[in-house]
Amino acid sequence: MNGETPEPEDPLEPEPEKPRFLLPDGCKDLIDALRLQEEEARKSQPQPPHPPQPQAPAVVECSVTFVPPKRKNPPKGLPANVKLPELISVRDLSALLGLKPVELMGSLMAFNVFASFDMRLRFELASALCSHYGVVAHRVA
């Protein structure tokens, strides 16, 4: 720095080591090459002709062999009669009866039926459940 000129770089200095593998064009490192391979593999897989359709909620198939006794203290404000279709979901039945879906699911457990909110019940089971609460069920044609 005392007015001296910097020494020129040694022309005999070896070049930086080149990679020992060849990368595809546009890839700067191995990760890019792997991503490119994954993308090409996805493109080469045949696409399904149609996206899978969502499955309908399950229908509870159960014959009503065990009917628990009527509730001693049914909730107040239940309708005397309800009209039910052949299949009805637990959520819809609870709305017709004016109960919380969780209460209805608890009563279904007394029938040895474990159902979710969206499961559909056949008329026989739904009417037995209604009679458990003291409600008469009629089938809608």
C-alpha atoms as a PDB file:
ATOM      1  CA  MET A   1       0.000   0.000   0.000  1.00  0.00           C
ATOM      2  CA  ASN A   2       3.036   2.229   0.096  1.00  0.00           C
ATOM      3  CA  GLY A   3       2.576   3.124  -3.473  1.00  0.00           C
ATOM      4  CA  GLU A   4       3.340  -0.373  -4.577  1.00  0.00           C
ATOM      5  CA  THR A   5       1.257  -1.888  -7.252  1.00  0.00           C
ATOM      6  CA  PRO A   6      -0.520  -5.064  -6.277  1.00  0.00           C
ATOM      7  CA  GLU A   7       1.054  -8.177  -7.566  1.00  0.00           C
ATOM      8  CA  PRO A   8      -0.738  -9.688 -10.514  1.00  0.00           C
ATOM      9  CA  GLU A   9      -2.511 -12.941  -9.795  1.00  0.00           C
ATOM     10  CA  ASP A  10      -0.466 -16.007 -10.433  1.00  0.00           C
ATOM     11  CA  PRO A  11      -1.325 -17.192 -13.952  1.00  0.00           C
ATOM     12  CA  LEU A  12      -0.409 -20.721 -12.950  1.00  0.00           C
ATOM     13  CA  GLU A  13      -2.993 -20.846 -10.168  1.00  0.00           C
ATOM     14  CA  PRO A  14      -5.336 -23.789 -10.807  1.00  0.00           C
ATOM     15  CA  GLU A  15      -8.924 -23.104 -11.853  1.00  0.00           C
ATOM     16  CA  PRO A  16     -11.635 -23.847  -9.325  1.00  0.00           C
ATOM     17  CA  GLU A  17     -12.684 -27.472  -9.395  1.00  0.00           C
ATOM     18  CA  LYS A  18     -15.554 -28.148 -11.798  1.00  0.00           C
ATOM     19  CA  PRO A  19     -18.443 -30.355 -10.701  1.00  0.00           C
ATOM     20  CA  ARG A  20     -17.897 -34.038 -11.212  1.00  0.00           C
ATOM     21  CA  PHE A  21     -21.406 -34.519 -12.518  1.00  0.00           C
ATOM     22  CA  LEU A  22     -23.376 -32.876 -15.278  1.00  0.00           C
ATOM     23  CA  LEU A  23     -26.472 -30.895 -14.432  1.00  0.00           C
ATOM     24  CA  PRO A  24     -29.337 -30.445 -16.880  1.00  0.00           C
ATOM     25  CA  ASP A  25     -29.671 -27.051 -18.498  1.00  0.00           C
ATOM     26  CA  GLY A  26     -31.227 -24.466 -16.224  1.00  0.00           C
ATOM     27  CA  CYS A  27     -30.206 -26.260 -13.019  1.00  0.00           C
ATOM     28  CA  LYS A  28     -27.679 -24.554 -10.822  1.00  0.00           C
ATOM     29  CA  ASP A  29     -27.382 -27.321  -8.228  1.00  0.00           C
ATOM     30  CA  LEU A  30     -28.469 -30.846  -7.406  1.00  0.00           C
ATOM     31  CA  ILE A  31     -31.692 -29.734  -5.697  1.00  0.00           C
ATOM     32  CA  ASP A  32     -32.866 -28.077  -8.914  1.00  0.00           C
ATOM     33  CA  ALA A  33     -32.056 -31.279 -10.820  1.00  0.00           C
ATOM     34  CA  LEU A  34     -34.091 -33.365  -8.352  1.00  0.00           C
ATOM     35  CA  ARG A  35     -37.055 -31.001  -8.551  1.00  0.00           C
ATOM     36  CA  LEU A  36     -36.895 -31.159 -12.332  1.00  0.00           C
ATOM     37  CA  GLN A  37     -36.973 -34.971 -12.197  1.00  0.00           C
ATOM     38  CA  GLU A  38     -39.989 -34.947  -9.857  1.00  0.00           C
ATOM     39  CA  GLU A  39     -41.827 -32.520 -12.127  1.00  0.00           C
ATOM     40  CA  GLU A  40     -41.152 -34.656 -15.200  1.00  0.00           C
ATOM     41  CA  ALA A  41     -42.313 -37.775 -13.317  1.00  0.00           C
ATOM     42  CA  ARG A  42     -45.576 -36.042 -12.377  1.00  0.00           C
ATOM     43  CA  LYS A  43     -46.140 -34.977 -15.980  1.00  0.00           C
ATOM     44  CA  SER A  44     -45.515 -38.479 -17.298  1.00  0.00           C
ATOM     45  CA  GLN A  45     -48.085 -40.095 -14.980  1.00  0.00           C
ATOM     46  CA  PRO A  46     -51.490 -40.504 -16.611  1.00  0.00           C
ATOM     47  CA  GLN A  47     -54.097 -38.196 -15.169  1.00  0.00           C
ATOM     48  CA  PRO A  48     -57.427 -39.706 -14.107  1.00  0.00           C
ATOM     49  CA  PRO A  49     -60.165 -38.854 -16.610  1.00  0.00           C
ATOM     50  CA  HIS A  50     -62.380 -37.323 -13.920  1.00  0.00           C
ATOM     51  CA  PRO A  51     -61.619 -36.148 -10.426  1.00  0.00           C
ATOM     52  CA  PRO A  52     -62.892 -38.538  -7.774  1.00  0.00           C
ATOM     53  CA  GLN A  53     -66.457 -37.817  -6.739  1.00  0.00           C
ATOM     54  CA  PRO A  54     -67.092 -37.136  -3.064  1.00  0.00           C
ATOM     55  CA  GLN A  55     -68.678 -40.108  -1.390  1.00  0.00           C
ATOM     56  CA  ALA A  56     -72.182 -39.849  -0.072  1.00  0.00           C
ATOM     57  CA  PRO A  57     -72.557 -40.075   3.676  1.00  0.00           C
ATOM     58  CA  ALA A  58     -72.845 -43.603   4.936  1.00  0.00           C
ATOM     59  CA  VAL A  59     -76.234 -45.118   5.572  1.00  0.00           C
ATOM     60  CA  VAL A  60     -76.572 -46.880   8.881  1.00  0.00           C
ATOM     61  CA  GLU A  61     -77.661 -50.426   8.104  1.00  0.00           C
ATOM     62  CA  CYS A  62     -79.054 -51.809  11.294  1.00  0.00           C
ATOM     63  CA  SER A  63     -82.133 -53.692  12.287  1.00  0.00           C
ATOM     64  CA  VAL A  64     -83.753 -52.427  15.430  1.00  0.00           C
ATOM     65  CA  THR A  65     -83.657 -55.489  17.662  1.00  0.00           C
ATOM     66  CA  PHE A  66     -82.920 -53.726  20.925  1.00  0.00           C
ATOM     67  CA  VAL A  67     -85.158 -50.808  21.766  1.00  0.00           C
ATOM     68  CA  PRO A  68     -84.279 -48.997  24.969  1.00  0.00           C
ATOM     69  CA  PRO A  69     -87.190 -47.965  27.154  1.00  0.00           C
ATOM     70  CA  LYS A  70     -88.799 -44.580  26.710  1.00  0.00           C
ATOM     71  CA  ARG A  71     -87.009 -41.758  28.440  1.00  0.00           C
ATOM     72  CA  LYS A  72     -88.496 -41.023  31.832  1.00  0.00           C
ATOM     73  CA  ASN A  73     -87.966 -37.294  31.444  1.00  0.00           C
ATOM     74  CA  PRO A  74     -88.050 -36.441  27.740  1.00  0.00           C
ATOM     75  CA  PRO A  75     -87.012 -32.893  26.865  1.00  0.00           C
ATOM     76  CA  LYS A  76     -89.829 -30.373  26.780  1.00  0.00           C
ATOM     77  CA  GLY A  77     -90.989 -28.811  23.547  1.00  0.00           C
ATOM     78  CA  LEU A  78     -90.731 -31.931  21.368  1.00  0.00           C
ATOM     79  CA  PRO A  79     -93.300 -32.238  18.588  1.00  0.00           C
ATOM     80  CA  ALA A  80     -95.984 -34.916  18.972  1.00  0.00           C
ATOM     81  CA  ASN A  81     -95.627 -36.127  15.359  1.00  0.00           C
ATOM     82  CA  VAL A  82     -92.924 -35.835  12.701  1.00  0.00           C
ATOM     83  CA  LYS A  83     -92.845 -36.854   9.047  1.00  0.00           C
ATOM     84  CA  LEU A  84     -89.650 -38.630   8.049  1.00  0.00           C
ATOM     85  CA  PRO A  85     -88.303 -39.635   4.633  1.00  0.00           C
ATOM     86  CA  GLU A  86     -86.849 -43.106   4.001  1.00  0.00           C
ATOM     87  CA  LEU A  87     -83.319 -41.792   4.766  1.00  0.00           C
ATOM     88  CA  ILE A  88     -82.556 -38.909   7.092  1.00  0.00           C
ATOM     89  CA  SER A  89     -79.280 -37.627   8.490  1.00  0.00           C
ATOM     90  CA  VAL A  90     -78.690 -37.392  12.215  1.00  0.00           C
ATOM     91  CA  ARG A  91     -78.338 -33.612  11.877  1.00  0.00           C
ATOM     92  CA  ASP A  92     -81.688 -33.249  10.046  1.00  0.00           C
ATOM     93  CA  LEU A  93     -83.495 -35.527  12.503  1.00  0.00           C
ATOM     94  CA  SER A  94     -82.154 -33.526  15.430  1.00  0.00           C
ATOM     95  CA  ALA A  95     -83.429 -30.327  13.786  1.00  0.00           C
ATOM     96  CA  LEU A  96     -86.898 -31.875  13.326  1.00  0.00           C
ATOM     97  CA  LEU A  97     -87.015 -32.959  16.947  1.00  0.00           C
ATOM     98  CA  GLY A  98     -85.526 -29.711  18.233  1.00  0.00           C
ATOM     99  CA  LEU A  99     -82.623 -31.458  19.921  1.00  0.00           C
ATOM    100  CA  LYS A 100     -78.886 -30.978  19.726  1.00  0.00           C
ATOM    101  CA  PRO A 101     -77.240 -33.478  17.363  1.00  0.00           C
ATOM    102  CA  VAL A 102     -74.959 -34.625  20.175  1.00  0.00           C
ATOM    103  CA  GLU A 103     -77.989 -35.580  22.313  1.00  0.00           C
ATOM    104  CA  LEU A 104     -79.361 -37.645  19.453  1.00  0.00           C
ATOM    105  CA  MET A 105     -76.008 -39.337  18.932  1.00  0.00           C
ATOM    106  CA  GLY A 106     -75.936 -40.216  22.629  1.00  0.00           C
ATOM    107  CA  SER A 107     -79.366 -41.794  22.325  1.00  0.00           C
ATOM    108  CA  LEU A 108     -78.231 -43.712  19.251  1.00  0.00           C
ATOM    109  CA  MET A 109     -75.494 -45.234  21.398  1.00  0.00           C
ATOM    110  CA  ALA A 110     -78.252 -46.710  23.567  1.00  0.00           C
ATOM    111  CA  PHE A 111     -79.326 -48.525  20.376  1.00  0.00           C
ATOM    112  CA  ASN A 112     -75.730 -49.746  19.919  1.00  0.00           C
ATOM    113  CA  VAL A 113     -75.390 -47.471  16.880  1.00  0.00           C
ATOM    114  CA  PHE A 114     -72.376 -45.189  16.614  1.00  0.00           C
ATOM    115  CA  ALA A 115     -73.167 -42.547  14.012  1.00  0.00           C
ATOM    116  CA  SER A 116     -71.736 -39.187  12.983  1.00  0.00           C
ATOM    117  CA  PHE A 117     -73.678 -36.016  12.175  1.00  0.00           C
ATOM    118  CA  ASP A 118     -73.785 -36.718   8.436  1.00  0.00           C
ATOM    119  CA  MET A 119     -74.679 -40.411   8.598  1.00  0.00           C
ATOM    120  CA  ARG A 120     -78.091 -41.175   7.266  1.00  0.00           C
ATOM    121  CA  LEU A 121     -80.505 -43.351   9.210  1.00  0.00           C
ATOM    122  CA  ARG A 122     -83.150 -45.582   7.693  1.00  0.00           C
ATOM    123  CA  PHE A 123     -86.769 -44.872   8.606  1.00  0.00           C
ATOM    124  CA  GLU A 124     -87.048 -47.872  10.954  1.00  0.00           C
ATOM    125  CA  LEU A 125     -84.162 -46.726  13.128  1.00  0.00           C
ATOM    126  CA  ALA A 126     -85.201 -43.068  12.990  1.00  0.00           C
ATOM    127  CA  SER A 127     -88.777 -43.915  14.018  1.00  0.00           C
ATOM    128  CA  ALA A 128     -87.516 -46.103  16.889  1.00  0.00           C
ATOM    129  CA  LEU A 129     -85.355 -43.193  18.003  1.00  0.00           C
ATOM    130  CA  CYS A 130     -88.350 -40.865  17.824  1.00  0.00           C
ATOM    131  CA  SER A 131     -90.447 -43.260  19.910  1.00  0.00           C
ATOM    132  CA  HIS A 132     -87.601 -43.248  22.465  1.00  0.00           C
ATOM    133  CA  TYR A 133     -88.399 -39.549  22.932  1.00  0.00           C
ATOM    134  CA  GLY A 134     -92.184 -40.104  22.832  1.00  0.00           C
ATOM    135  CA  VAL A 135     -92.596 -38.721  19.299  1.00  0.00           C
ATOM    136  CA  VAL A 136     -94.648 -40.550  16.659  1.00  0.00           C
ATOM    137  CA  ALA A 137     -92.937 -40.792  13.263  1.00  0.00           C
ATOM    138  CA  HIS A 138     -94.813 -41.038   9.963  1.00  0.00           C
ATOM    139  CA  ARG A 139     -93.235 -42.073   6.684  1.00  0.00           C
ATOM    140  CA  VAL A 140     -93.338 -39.537   3.859  1.00  0.00           C
ATOM    141  CA  ALA A 141     -94.215 -41.152   0.543  1.00  0.00           C
END
